Amino acid sequence: MTDREKQGSQYRSGRGDRQAARRRRLIAWAGVLCLVLAAISSAKPVYHWMKARRASQFTAAGEELVRSGKLEEAASKYRAALQLDPLGYRPLSGAARLATITHRPEAADLWEQVARLPDCTTTDRQDYAAVLLDNGRTADAERIIGELVKANPDTRTLFLAGRFSEQNGNRVKAIEFARAAFSRAPGDAPAAFQLAELLASSPASEQHAEAREILWSIAGKPGPMQKAALEAIARSPDLPADEQERALNALNGLAAPSAADTLLGFDLQLRLHPAQADEIYEQSKARFASSGPPDLALLARWLNAHRQFERVLALLPPETAVTNDAFLLARLDALGATLRWPDAEALLARPDLALHPAVAECFRARIALAQNASLDADSHWNKAIGAATGDPAKLRFVANFAEQNKVPAVARLAYEQLARFPEHAAFAYRGTQRLAEKGGDTKVARAAAERLAAVAPHDANAQNQLVYLDLLLGNDLEGNAAKAQQFTARDPSRLSFRITAAFAFLRRHDFPSALAQFRGPPIEWKRTPPAWRAVFAATLLAADKRKDAEEIIATIPLDELRKEERELIDPEGALR
């Protein structure tokens, strides 16, 4: 072989080696690339798996902390779990349950998220419905409870359905559901207690007797509801004498009676032995002689409620009263009831007074009002509002105190400030509406009702009241009539809805349809609000049933009607 041939052979051989090496490098890089791509494609699932696993650890820790009663620490664990796994069933349901236990406002929102998950259980939906009912969101609760009732309802579902019906004013339906729950599980104390409460609040006396029979059966068995049943029996206003004795013996036989139980026992003694009242009051003071401030304050309030003002003043002298806000308020109430305004002024002027300025100024205003010092009263009211500004609890106190003492302007101002806090707005607007109704100003009441309906869109009562006031003022008759019919279509047995629907037909001169709203079981009209009776009487007059209308009108306190309501039954003012 020539040198050239050798060189060619070596070249070809080297080129083959180089190509083989290149192929090996390409294969190696391809393998590396495949591994990289595989790692990239698997990294996301692995990452999510690791997050879910960590979330599960946080959730388990939260569950353990809840069992140990360490709720704040548990909340932090659930927050961490939800950050890692925001749609996980276990962390969401655990957080929702914890928020429910601690009465947190976000409980309903958490349960709403749980309800959207495929893992959501019947118990979860029941818990969700209970929270909605607690928050007054009956429209949302209706949907959840309706679904539960359709699916072979258990005792708790029937219990919730009864609660829903009661909150919506449908007592007949509430009793129906409560009876069904009681029949399903007669040994279920909460279901039995619910039925008893509904029967006890009925106007029919025979249902009161049935309620007591159920309560006695609960009170006769050890359990968490035993004492509550006994207390309900003791508070029953039409309790026969023999059952009063029985209830008194049962209260005296409690192993560890509370102060409230003891005072219930004294109430029963007063009912059984009214001639021995002085002796019973002295016994109550002796019984609480060595009690702590909470129980002593409870006794003072109880004595004030029984108009035993002198005993309260002896129980809580000034030196004792200034040591505790509850003591001070009880003594001030007793001084006010006995018109001892100088003594009340002296008490409020003490340098060791620890009462919140808003509360103290309210009492100073009350004293000034009693002494006809209107300018001084205005000054103290202004100071009370100023001291309560920014404090919802104190604003509530000022509003309530002013309302009770018939100073609507101050109460309205306090409610207006309270309405700036979203969580208190509904309460404030109800107060404003109540004041407007007492003042007889329908337009102001309507404005307050509109604000209430806006902040409580799920409150059927608020929505219905707005429609009623609009009809009363003649606003958008067709639109409001349609709304009224929607309310009755949803709950035809609810009398407040039927009143509004009847009024809508009356405004549109459809008198037969208005009268048709009152067909059904007899209505105890004397127990209904005067405005409802006015609508019914106006419907009877329009239907040429004057005699029946006059019988209803005779039961109506005309001074409790608005001007527009009086005009329904007395357009010419002949009854005034």
Protein backbone atom coordinates (compact mmCIF):
# COMPACT_ATOMS: atom_id res chain seq x y z
CA MET A 1 0.00 0.00 0.00
CA THR A 2 1.39 3.31 -0.97
CA ASP A 3 1.89 6.14 1.47
CA ARG A 4 -1.02 8.01 -0.08
CA GLU A 5 -3.29 5.01 0.34
CA LYS A 6 -2.15 4.63 3.94
CA GLN A 7 -2.84 8.28 4.64
CA GLY A 8 -6.29 7.97 3.04
CA SER A 9 -7.09 4.90 5.09
CA GLN A 10 -5.97 6.65 8.31
CA TYR A 11 -8.04 9.71 7.43
CA ARG A 12 -11.14 7.64 6.78
CA SER A 13 -10.58 5.73 9.99
CA GLY A 14 -10.13 8.95 12.01
CA ARG A 15 -13.20 10.48 10.44
CA GLY A 16 -15.22 7.41 11.43
CA ASP A 17 -13.91 7.67 14.98
CA ARG A 18 -14.80 11.35 15.07
CA GLN A 19 -18.31 10.65 13.77
CA ALA A 20 -18.78 7.89 16.30
CA ALA A 21 -17.62 10.20 19.09
CA ARG A 22 -19.96 12.90 17.82
CA ARG A 23 -22.83 10.42 17.83
CA ARG A 24 -21.99 9.37 21.37
CA ARG A 25 -21.94 13.03 22.49
CA LEU A 26 -25.27 13.66 20.77
CA ILE A 27 -26.80 10.61 22.43
CA ALA A 28 -25.42 11.72 25.79
CA TRP A 29 -26.74 15.26 25.37
CA ALA A 30 -30.09 13.92 24.20
CA GLY A 31 -30.25 11.81 27.36
CA VAL A 32 -29.39 14.80 29.50
CA LEU A 33 -32.00 16.88 27.69
CA CYS A 34 -34.61 14.18 28.22
CA LEU A 35 -33.75 14.08 31.90
CA VAL A 36 -34.00 17.87 32.12
CA LEU A 37 -37.35 17.87 30.32
CA ALA A 38 -38.60 15.04 32.53
CA ALA A 39 -37.50 16.94 35.61
CA ILE A 40 -39.20 20.09 34.40
CA SER A 41 -42.42 18.26 33.60
CA SER A 42 -42.46 16.48 36.97
CA ALA A 43 -41.35 19.46 39.07
CA LYS A 44 -44.78 21.10 39.15
CA PRO A 45 -46.68 18.00 40.38
CA VAL A 46 -43.93 17.27 42.86
CA TYR A 47 -44.04 20.89 44.06
CA HIS A 48 -47.81 20.73 44.47
CA TRP A 49 -47.54 17.39 46.22
CA MET A 50 -45.01 18.82 48.64
CA LYS A 51 -47.24 21.86 49.27
CA ALA A 52 -50.29 19.66 49.86
CA ARG A 53 -48.28 17.42 52.18
CA ARG A 54 -47.06 20.43 54.16
CA ALA A 55 -50.60 21.84 54.26
CA SER A 56 -51.82 18.50 55.59
CA GLN A 57 -49.23 18.68 58.36
CA PHE A 58 -50.36 22.18 59.31
CA THR A 59 -53.99 21.03 59.25
CA ALA A 60 -53.26 18.04 61.47
CA ALA A 61 -51.47 20.33 63.90
CA GLY A 62 -54.47 22.70 63.84
CA GLU A 63 -56.89 19.86 64.56
CA GLU A 64 -54.79 18.76 67.52
CA LEU A 65 -54.64 22.31 68.89
CA VAL A 66 -58.43 22.60 68.61
CA ARG A 67 -58.81 19.40 70.61
CA SER A 68 -56.46 20.89 73.21
CA GLY A 69 -58.48 24.10 73.38
CA LYS A 70 -55.64 26.25 71.96
CA LEU A 71 -57.83 28.01 69.43
CA GLU A 72 -55.62 30.99 68.57
CA GLU A 73 -52.66 28.74 67.84
CA ALA A 74 -54.94 26.47 65.82
CA ALA A 75 -56.08 29.45 63.74
CA SER A 76 -52.48 30.27 62.77
CA LYS A 77 -51.95 26.67 61.64
CA TYR A 78 -55.08 26.73 59.50
CA ARG A 79 -54.01 30.03 57.94
CA ALA A 80 -50.66 28.50 57.01
CA ALA A 81 -52.41 25.42 55.58
CA LEU A 82 -54.76 27.53 53.46
CA GLN A 83 -51.87 29.56 52.07
CA LEU A 84 -50.34 26.32 50.80
CA ASP A 85 -53.56 24.58 49.78
CA PRO A 86 -56.35 27.19 49.48
CA LEU A 87 -58.85 24.74 47.94
CA GLY A 88 -58.05 21.71 50.06
CA TYR A 89 -61.11 20.16 51.68
CA ARG A 90 -59.44 19.31 54.97
CA PRO A 91 -57.88 22.74 55.72
CA LEU A 92 -60.98 24.59 54.47
CA SER A 93 -63.47 22.56 56.49
CA GLY A 94 -61.24 22.67 59.57
CA ALA A 95 -60.85 26.45 59.31
CA ALA A 96 -64.60 26.86 58.75
CA ARG A 97 -65.38 24.76 61.81
CA LEU A 98 -62.91 26.74 63.94
CA ALA A 99 -64.34 30.06 62.71
CA THR A 100 -67.80 28.78 63.64
CA ILE A 101 -66.69 27.81 67.15
CA THR A 102 -65.08 31.20 67.71
CA HIS A 103 -67.98 33.12 66.07
CA ARG A 104 -65.71 34.72 63.49
CA PRO A 105 -67.44 36.71 60.69
CA GLU A 106 -65.54 34.81 57.98
CA ALA A 107 -67.16 31.48 58.98
CA ALA A 108 -69.92 31.77 56.37
CA ASP A 109 -67.45 32.56 53.58
CA LEU A 110 -65.29 29.57 54.50
CA TRP A 111 -68.31 27.26 54.56
CA GLU A 112 -69.33 28.59 51.17
CA GLN A 113 -65.96 27.47 49.78
CA VAL A 114 -66.37 24.06 51.44
CA ALA A 115 -69.85 23.67 49.94
CA ARG A 116 -68.39 24.00 46.42
CA LEU A 117 -66.03 21.05 46.88
CA PRO A 118 -66.99 17.52 45.81
CA ASP A 119 -65.88 16.26 49.25
CA CYS A 120 -68.51 18.39 51.05
CA THR A 121 -70.60 16.24 53.40
CA THR A 122 -74.15 16.55 54.73
CA THR A 123 -72.73 17.59 58.09
CA ASP A 124 -70.75 20.34 56.38
CA ARG A 125 -73.88 21.64 54.67
CA GLN A 126 -75.76 21.54 57.97
CA ASP A 127 -72.98 23.52 59.65
CA TYR A 128 -73.07 26.01 56.78
CA ALA A 129 -76.85 26.43 57.10
CA ALA A 130 -76.57 26.92 60.87
CA VAL A 131 -74.00 29.70 60.42
CA LEU A 132 -76.21 31.39 57.81
CA LEU A 133 -79.16 31.29 60.21
CA ASP A 134 -77.00 32.68 63.02
CA ASN A 135 -76.05 35.57 60.75
CA GLY A 136 -79.63 36.25 59.66
CA ARG A 137 -78.93 35.21 56.06
CA THR A 138 -82.18 33.32 55.72
CA ALA A 139 -82.38 33.58 51.92
CA ASP A 140 -79.04 31.77 51.53
CA ALA A 141 -79.95 29.31 54.27
CA GLU A 142 -83.24 28.51 52.53
CA ARG A 143 -81.41 27.12 49.49
CA ILE A 144 -79.08 24.92 51.55
CA ILE A 145 -81.82 23.67 53.88
CA GLY A 146 -84.18 23.07 50.96
CA GLU A 147 -81.63 20.75 49.36
CA LEU A 148 -81.08 18.92 52.67
CA VAL A 149 -84.82 18.46 53.30
CA LYS A 150 -85.28 16.84 49.88
CA ALA A 151 -82.64 14.19 50.58
CA ASN A 152 -84.20 12.04 53.36
CA PRO A 153 -83.65 14.63 56.14
CA ASP A 154 -82.20 13.54 59.46
CA THR A 155 -83.07 15.05 62.84
CA ARG A 156 -80.60 17.89 62.56
CA THR A 157 -81.84 18.91 59.12
CA LEU A 158 -85.42 19.01 60.43
CA PHE A 159 -84.16 21.02 63.41
CA LEU A 160 -82.54 23.55 61.06
CA ALA A 161 -85.68 23.69 58.90
CA GLY A 162 -87.65 24.51 62.03
CA ARG A 163 -85.21 27.29 62.93
CA PHE A 164 -85.45 28.70 59.42
CA SER A 165 -89.26 28.71 59.48
CA GLU A 166 -89.30 30.36 62.91
CA GLN A 167 -86.90 33.10 61.80
CA ASN A 168 -89.11 33.74 58.80
CA GLY A 169 -92.18 34.11 60.99
CA ASN A 170 -93.83 30.88 59.81
CA ARG A 171 -94.62 29.44 63.24
CA VAL A 172 -96.98 26.77 61.89
CA LYS A 173 -94.30 25.37 59.60
CA ALA A 174 -91.69 25.68 62.35
CA ILE A 175 -93.79 23.56 64.70
CA GLU A 176 -94.39 21.07 61.89
CA PHE A 177 -90.66 20.60 61.32
CA ALA A 178 -89.94 20.54 65.07
CA ARG A 179 -92.57 17.82 65.58
CA ALA A 180 -91.04 15.81 62.75
CA ALA A 181 -87.58 16.10 64.34
CA PHE A 182 -88.99 15.18 67.75
CA SER A 183 -90.84 12.18 66.30
CA ARG A 184 -87.72 11.05 64.46
CA ALA A 185 -85.60 11.19 67.62
CA PRO A 186 -87.68 11.63 70.80
CA GLY A 187 -84.54 11.26 72.88
CA ASP A 188 -82.80 14.18 71.13
CA ALA A 189 -82.88 16.91 73.79
CA PRO A 190 -82.15 19.89 71.48
CA ALA A 191 -84.95 18.84 69.10
CA ALA A 192 -87.35 18.38 71.99
CA PHE A 193 -86.34 21.72 73.49
CA GLN A 194 -86.91 23.49 70.17
CA LEU A 195 -90.42 22.07 69.91
CA ALA A 196 -91.15 23.05 73.50
CA GLU A 197 -89.98 26.63 72.94
CA LEU A 198 -92.19 26.98 69.86
CA LEU A 199 -95.21 25.56 71.66
CA ALA A 200 -94.57 27.79 74.69
CA SER A 201 -94.62 30.93 72.55
CA SER A 202 -97.91 29.93 70.91
CA PRO A 203 -101.07 31.88 71.81
CA ALA A 204 -102.91 28.59 72.42
CA SER A 205 -102.90 27.60 76.12
CA GLU A 206 -103.16 23.88 75.33
CA GLN A 207 -99.83 24.11 73.52
CA HIS A 208 -98.29 25.69 76.63
CA ALA A 209 -99.25 22.60 78.61
CA GLU A 210 -97.70 20.36 75.95
CA ALA A 211 -94.54 22.49 76.02
CA ARG A 212 -94.21 22.05 79.78
CA GLU A 213 -94.75 18.31 79.46
CA ILE A 214 -91.85 18.10 77.01
CA LEU A 215 -89.65 20.34 79.17
CA TRP A 216 -90.34 18.24 82.24
CA SER A 217 -89.28 15.13 80.33
CA ILE A 218 -85.97 16.84 79.43
CA ALA A 219 -85.49 18.17 82.97
CA GLY A 220 -85.98 14.68 84.38
CA LYS A 221 -82.96 13.23 82.57
CA PRO A 222 -79.30 14.08 83.22
CA GLY A 223 -77.74 15.87 80.29
CA PRO A 224 -76.57 19.23 78.92
CA MET A 225 -80.15 20.44 78.34
CA GLN A 226 -81.49 19.44 81.75
CA LYS A 227 -80.87 22.74 83.51
CA ALA A 228 -81.99 24.83 80.52
CA ALA A 229 -85.30 22.95 80.47
CA LEU A 230 -85.78 23.48 84.19
CA GLU A 231 -85.04 27.21 83.83
CA ALA A 232 -87.55 27.47 80.96
CA ILE A 233 -90.20 25.82 83.13
CA ALA A 234 -89.48 28.18 86.02
CA ARG A 235 -89.86 31.22 83.74
CA SER A 236 -93.18 30.04 82.32
CA PRO A 237 -95.71 32.82 83.07
CA ASP A 238 -98.73 30.50 83.35
CA LEU A 239 -97.09 27.77 85.42
CA PRO A 240 -99.68 26.13 87.73
CA ALA A 241 -99.01 26.26 91.48
CA ASP A 242 -98.24 22.55 91.78
CA GLU A 243 -95.67 22.81 88.99
CA GLN A 244 -94.21 25.91 90.63
CA GLU A 245 -93.56 23.84 93.75
CA ARG A 246 -92.09 21.06 91.66
CA ALA A 247 -89.82 23.47 89.79
CA LEU A 248 -88.71 25.10 93.05
CA ASN A 249 -87.78 21.73 94.54
CA ALA A 250 -85.89 20.81 91.37
CA LEU A 251 -83.93 24.10 91.41
CA ASN A 252 -83.10 23.62 95.09
CA GLY A 253 -81.90 20.12 94.27
CA LEU A 254 -79.32 21.22 91.69
CA ALA A 255 -75.80 20.16 92.64
CA ALA A 256 -74.21 23.50 91.71
CA PRO A 257 -76.92 26.09 91.08
CA SER A 258 -75.85 29.33 89.45
CA ALA A 259 -76.80 32.74 90.79
CA ALA A 260 -79.45 32.96 88.04
CA ASP A 261 -80.90 29.60 89.13
CA THR A 262 -81.03 30.78 92.75
CA LEU A 263 -82.86 33.97 91.76
CA LEU A 264 -85.29 31.92 89.66
CA GLY A 265 -86.01 29.98 92.82
CA PHE A 266 -86.73 33.22 94.70
CA ASP A 267 -89.04 34.27 91.83
CA LEU A 268 -91.00 31.05 92.30
CA GLN A 269 -91.19 31.64 96.05
CA LEU A 270 -92.62 35.11 95.44
CA ARG A 271 -95.25 33.66 93.13
CA LEU A 272 -96.15 30.94 95.60
CA HIS A 273 -96.06 33.09 98.74
CA PRO A 274 -96.65 36.75 97.82
CA ALA A 275 -97.54 37.61 101.42
CA GLN A 276 -94.00 36.64 102.45
CA ALA A 277 -92.30 38.95 99.95
CA ASP A 278 -90.32 40.97 102.51
CA GLU A 279 -88.94 37.82 104.08
CA ILE A 280 -88.02 36.38 100.67
CA TYR A 281 -86.18 39.57 99.64
CA GLU A 282 -84.18 39.47 102.87
CA GLN A 283 -83.38 35.82 102.27
CA SER A 284 -82.06 36.70 98.82
CA LYS A 285 -79.75 39.35 100.30
CA ALA A 286 -78.50 36.91 102.95
CA ARG A 287 -77.93 34.22 100.34
CA PHE A 288 -75.66 36.53 98.29
CA ALA A 289 -73.96 38.20 101.26
CA SER A 290 -70.58 36.57 100.56
CA SER A 291 -70.87 36.41 96.78
CA GLY A 292 -68.43 37.95 94.32
CA PRO A 293 -69.16 41.09 92.26
CA PRO A 294 -70.83 39.34 89.25
CA ASP A 295 -73.41 37.54 91.41
CA LEU A 296 -73.94 40.58 93.65
CA ALA A 297 -74.57 42.76 90.58
CA LEU A 298 -77.06 40.18 89.32
CA LEU A 299 -78.88 40.34 92.66
CA ALA A 300 -78.99 44.15 92.50
CA ARG A 301 -80.49 44.08 89.01
CA TRP A 302 -83.03 41.48 90.18
CA LEU A 303 -84.03 43.64 93.14
CA ASN A 304 -84.37 46.70 90.88
CA ALA A 305 -86.58 44.67 88.52
CA HIS A 306 -88.79 43.89 91.53
CA ARG A 307 -88.82 47.59 92.49
CA GLN A 308 -86.88 46.96 95.69
CA PHE A 309 -84.89 50.15 95.29
CA GLU A 310 -84.26 50.78 98.99
CA ARG A 311 -82.76 47.32 99.34
CA VAL A 312 -80.45 48.03 96.38
CA LEU A 313 -79.30 51.29 97.98
CA ALA A 314 -78.60 49.48 101.25
CA LEU A 315 -76.84 46.65 99.42
CA LEU A 316 -74.62 48.99 97.40
CA PRO A 317 -73.61 52.07 99.41
CA PRO A 318 -71.55 54.71 97.54
CA GLU A 319 -68.21 53.29 98.70
CA THR A 320 -69.16 49.89 97.30
CA ALA A 321 -70.86 51.21 94.17
CA VAL A 322 -67.78 53.05 92.87
CA THR A 323 -65.72 49.85 92.93
CA ASN A 324 -67.59 48.22 90.06
CA ASP A 325 -69.38 49.56 86.96
CA ALA A 326 -72.29 47.13 87.36
CA PHE A 327 -72.70 48.17 91.01
CA LEU A 328 -72.63 51.83 90.05
CA LEU A 329 -75.24 51.42 87.33
CA ALA A 330 -77.53 49.48 89.68
CA ARG A 331 -77.25 52.17 92.38
CA LEU A 332 -77.84 54.95 89.85
CA ASP A 333 -80.93 53.13 88.57
CA ALA A 334 -82.26 52.84 92.13
CA LEU A 335 -81.55 56.52 92.85
CA GLY A 336 -83.27 57.55 89.63
CA ALA A 337 -86.30 55.39 90.35
CA THR A 338 -86.67 57.03 93.78
CA LEU A 339 -86.06 60.55 92.34
CA ARG A 340 -82.97 61.11 94.50
CA TRP A 341 -81.26 63.27 91.93
CA PRO A 342 -78.95 65.16 94.33
CA ASP A 343 -77.59 61.83 95.60
CA ALA A 344 -77.09 60.67 92.03
CA GLU A 345 -75.26 63.90 91.20
CA ALA A 346 -73.02 63.47 94.24
CA LEU A 347 -72.22 59.91 93.22
CA LEU A 348 -71.27 60.97 89.70
CA ALA A 349 -69.10 63.78 91.08
CA ARG A 350 -66.94 61.49 93.21
CA PRO A 351 -63.23 61.68 92.30
CA ASP A 352 -62.86 57.90 92.57
CA LEU A 353 -65.56 57.32 89.93
CA ALA A 354 -64.29 54.83 87.36
CA LEU A 355 -67.32 54.85 85.05
CA HIS A 356 -66.70 55.37 81.34
CA PRO A 357 -67.29 59.06 80.47
CA ALA A 358 -69.98 58.23 77.90
CA VAL A 359 -72.01 56.30 80.48
CA ALA A 360 -71.48 58.92 83.20
CA GLU A 361 -72.58 61.73 80.88
CA CYS A 362 -75.72 59.80 79.97
CA PHE A 363 -76.71 59.63 83.63
CA ARG A 364 -75.87 63.32 84.12
CA ALA A 365 -78.13 64.12 81.16
CA ARG A 366 -80.90 62.02 82.69
CA ILE A 367 -80.56 63.89 85.98
CA ALA A 368 -80.70 67.23 84.19
CA LEU A 369 -83.83 66.14 82.29
CA ALA A 370 -85.52 65.13 85.54
CA GLN A 371 -84.80 68.59 86.93
CA ASN A 372 -86.06 70.32 83.74
CA ALA A 373 -82.57 71.69 83.00
CA SER A 374 -82.78 71.16 79.24
CA LEU A 375 -79.64 73.16 78.39
CA ASP A 376 -77.55 71.16 80.87
CA ALA A 377 -79.06 67.95 79.50
CA ASP A 378 -78.10 68.92 75.93
CA SER A 379 -74.54 69.62 77.06
CA HIS A 380 -74.24 66.23 78.76
CA TRP A 381 -75.75 64.41 75.78
CA ASN A 382 -73.18 66.07 73.49
CA LYS A 383 -70.38 65.01 75.82
CA ALA A 384 -71.75 61.45 75.91
CA ILE A 385 -71.78 61.25 72.10
CA GLY A 386 -68.27 62.68 71.95
CA ALA A 387 -66.93 60.22 74.52
CA ALA A 388 -68.57 57.28 72.70
CA THR A 389 -67.29 58.23 69.23
CA GLY A 390 -65.29 55.38 67.70
CA ASP A 391 -66.50 52.85 70.28
CA PRO A 392 -69.45 50.77 68.95
CA ALA A 393 -70.30 49.29 72.35
CA LYS A 394 -70.54 52.74 73.96
CA LEU A 395 -72.49 54.14 71.01
CA ARG A 396 -75.00 51.32 71.46
CA PHE A 397 -75.27 52.20 75.15
CA VAL A 398 -75.85 55.91 74.43
CA ALA A 399 -78.41 55.15 71.70
CA ASN A 400 -80.32 52.69 73.88
CA PHE A 401 -80.17 54.94 76.95
CA ALA A 402 -81.40 57.98 75.01
CA GLU A 403 -84.16 55.96 73.35
CA GLN A 404 -85.36 54.60 76.69
CA ASN A 405 -85.39 58.10 78.14
CA LYS A 406 -87.37 59.42 75.13
CA VAL A 407 -84.66 61.61 73.64
CA PRO A 408 -84.93 60.51 69.98
CA ALA A 409 -82.62 63.19 68.58
CA VAL A 410 -79.69 61.94 70.65
CA ALA A 411 -80.52 58.30 69.97
CA ARG A 412 -80.68 59.00 66.24
CA LEU A 413 -77.28 60.73 66.32
CA ALA A 414 -75.73 57.77 68.15
CA TYR A 415 -77.27 55.34 65.66
CA GLU A 416 -75.93 57.41 62.76
CA GLN A 417 -72.39 57.14 64.15
CA LEU A 418 -72.86 53.45 64.87
CA ALA A 419 -73.94 52.85 61.26
CA ARG A 420 -70.42 53.79 60.12
CA PHE A 421 -69.23 50.43 61.44
CA PRO A 422 -70.28 47.83 58.82
CA GLU A 423 -70.82 45.06 61.36
CA HIS A 424 -73.19 47.30 63.37
CA ALA A 425 -74.95 49.03 60.46
CA ALA A 426 -78.02 46.75 60.37
CA PHE A 427 -78.56 47.20 64.13
CA ALA A 428 -78.19 50.97 63.78
CA TYR A 429 -80.62 51.25 60.87
CA ARG A 430 -83.20 49.18 62.74
CA GLY A 431 -82.87 51.61 65.62
CA THR A 432 -83.23 54.61 63.31
CA GLN A 433 -86.28 53.04 61.69
CA ARG A 434 -87.82 52.31 65.09
CA LEU A 435 -87.33 55.94 66.15
CA ALA A 436 -88.89 57.18 62.92
CA GLU A 437 -91.90 54.95 63.41
CA LYS A 438 -92.37 56.19 66.97
CA GLY A 439 -92.21 59.73 65.67
CA GLY A 440 -94.80 58.96 63.00
CA ASP A 441 -92.63 60.22 60.14
CA THR A 442 -93.20 57.68 57.38
CA LYS A 443 -90.70 59.23 54.98
CA VAL A 444 -87.91 59.08 57.56
CA ALA A 445 -88.90 55.50 58.42
CA ARG A 446 -88.82 54.63 54.73
CA ALA A 447 -85.32 56.11 54.31
CA ALA A 448 -84.10 54.07 57.28
CA ALA A 449 -85.77 50.94 55.88
CA GLU A 450 -84.04 51.49 52.55
CA ARG A 451 -80.63 51.68 54.23
CA LEU A 452 -81.39 48.59 56.28
CA ALA A 453 -82.49 46.67 53.17
CA ALA A 454 -79.23 47.66 51.48
CA VAL A 455 -76.98 46.40 54.29
CA ALA A 456 -79.15 43.32 54.97
CA PRO A 457 -80.12 42.07 51.50
CA HIS A 458 -80.79 38.59 52.87
CA ASP A 459 -83.20 39.81 55.58
CA ALA A 460 -86.68 39.10 54.24
CA ASN A 461 -88.27 41.16 57.01
CA ALA A 462 -86.24 44.23 56.01
CA GLN A 463 -87.09 43.82 52.33
CA ASN A 464 -90.79 43.33 53.06
CA GLN A 465 -90.91 46.36 55.37
CA LEU A 466 -89.42 48.56 52.65
CA VAL A 467 -92.08 47.39 50.19
CA TYR A 468 -94.81 48.07 52.76
CA LEU A 469 -93.58 51.62 53.44
CA ASP A 470 -93.29 52.31 49.70
CA LEU A 471 -96.90 51.18 49.26
CA LEU A 472 -97.93 53.34 52.20
CA LEU A 473 -96.35 56.36 50.51
CA GLY A 474 -97.75 55.41 47.10
CA ASN A 475 -94.33 54.77 45.52
CA ASP A 476 -94.16 52.56 42.39
CA LEU A 477 -97.35 50.62 43.07
CA GLU A 478 -96.86 48.15 40.22
CA GLY A 479 -93.23 47.34 41.03
CA ASN A 480 -93.82 46.99 44.74
CA ALA A 481 -96.96 44.94 44.19
CA ALA A 482 -94.87 42.49 42.15
CA LYS A 483 -92.32 42.28 44.97
CA ALA A 484 -95.06 41.68 47.54
CA GLN A 485 -96.44 38.80 45.46
CA GLN A 486 -92.94 37.31 45.22
CA PHE A 487 -92.71 37.30 49.02
CA THR A 488 -96.06 35.52 49.45
CA ALA A 489 -95.23 33.04 46.69
CA ARG A 490 -92.07 32.10 48.58
CA ASP A 491 -93.78 31.83 51.97
CA PRO A 492 -97.60 31.98 51.67
CA SER A 493 -98.20 31.19 55.36
CA ARG A 494 -96.26 34.19 56.67
CA LEU A 495 -98.74 36.80 57.87
CA SER A 496 -96.43 39.82 57.49
CA PHE A 497 -95.98 38.98 53.79
CA ARG A 498 -99.71 38.49 53.32
CA ILE A 499 -100.43 41.86 54.93
CA THR A 500 -98.11 43.59 52.45
CA ALA A 501 -99.59 41.65 49.52
CA ALA A 502 -103.14 42.51 50.64
CA PHE A 503 -102.12 46.16 50.94
CA ALA A 504 -100.69 46.06 47.41
CA PHE A 505 -103.99 44.70 46.05
CA LEU A 506 -105.87 47.30 48.09
CA ARG A 507 -103.80 50.12 46.60
CA ARG A 508 -104.58 48.79 43.12
CA HIS A 509 -108.32 48.52 43.95
CA ASP A 510 -108.35 44.74 43.54
CA PHE A 511 -110.45 44.19 46.66
CA PRO A 512 -111.32 40.47 46.19
CA SER A 513 -107.63 39.58 45.83
CA ALA A 514 -106.81 41.69 48.90
CA LEU A 515 -109.42 39.87 50.97
CA ALA A 516 -108.20 36.50 49.69
CA GLN A 517 -104.87 37.05 51.48
CA PHE A 518 -106.63 36.54 54.82
CA ARG A 519 -108.19 33.18 54.08
CA GLY A 520 -106.92 30.20 56.02
CA PRO A 521 -106.53 29.45 59.73
CA PRO A 522 -108.13 32.03 62.08
CA ILE A 523 -105.86 34.95 62.98
CA GLU A 524 -105.75 36.34 66.53
CA TRP A 525 -105.88 39.95 65.44
CA LYS A 526 -105.56 41.37 68.95
CA ARG A 527 -102.06 39.94 69.08
CA THR A 528 -100.96 41.54 65.82
CA PRO A 529 -99.41 45.03 65.35
CA PRO A 530 -101.95 47.87 65.01
CA ALA A 531 -100.79 48.58 61.43
CA TRP A 532 -101.67 45.04 60.34
CA ARG A 533 -105.13 45.40 61.84
CA ALA A 534 -105.56 48.69 59.99
CA VAL A 535 -104.77 47.02 56.64
CA PHE A 536 -107.19 44.19 57.40
CA ALA A 537 -109.93 46.60 58.47
CA ALA A 538 -109.39 48.72 55.35
CA THR A 539 -109.71 45.57 53.23
CA LEU A 540 -112.98 44.67 54.97
CA LEU A 541 -114.32 48.19 54.40
CA ALA A 542 -113.40 48.01 50.72
CA ALA A 543 -115.20 44.65 50.48
CA ASP A 544 -118.37 46.13 52.05
CA LYS A 545 -117.91 44.19 55.30
CA ARG A 546 -118.36 47.26 57.52
CA LYS A 547 -119.55 45.45 60.64
CA ASP A 548 -116.54 43.13 60.64
CA ALA A 549 -114.27 46.10 59.95
CA GLU A 550 -115.69 48.08 62.88
CA GLU A 551 -115.01 45.16 65.23
CA ILE A 552 -111.35 45.17 64.18
CA ILE A 553 -111.09 48.98 64.31
CA ALA A 554 -112.38 48.93 67.89
CA THR A 555 -109.26 46.98 68.91
CA ILE A 556 -106.77 49.38 67.25
CA PRO A 557 -104.98 52.03 69.35
CA LEU A 558 -105.21 54.82 66.77
CA ASP A 559 -102.36 56.83 68.31
CA GLU A 560 -100.00 53.97 67.40
CA LEU A 561 -100.79 54.25 63.70
CA ARG A 562 -98.98 56.41 61.18
CA LYS A 563 -100.99 59.20 59.54
CA GLU A 564 -101.22 57.19 56.30
CA GLU A 565 -102.43 54.09 58.18
CA ARG A 566 -105.10 56.04 60.05
CA GLU A 567 -106.34 57.40 56.73
CA LEU A 568 -106.91 53.83 55.50
CA ILE A 569 -109.66 53.29 58.05
CA ASP A 570 -110.64 56.88 58.83
CA PRO A 571 -110.11 59.06 55.73
CA GLU A 572 -112.30 61.87 57.08
CA GLY A 573 -110.86 61.90 60.62
CA ALA A 574 -114.17 60.96 62.23
CA LEU A 575 -112.57 58.61 64.77
CA ARG A 576 -110.17 61.19 66.24
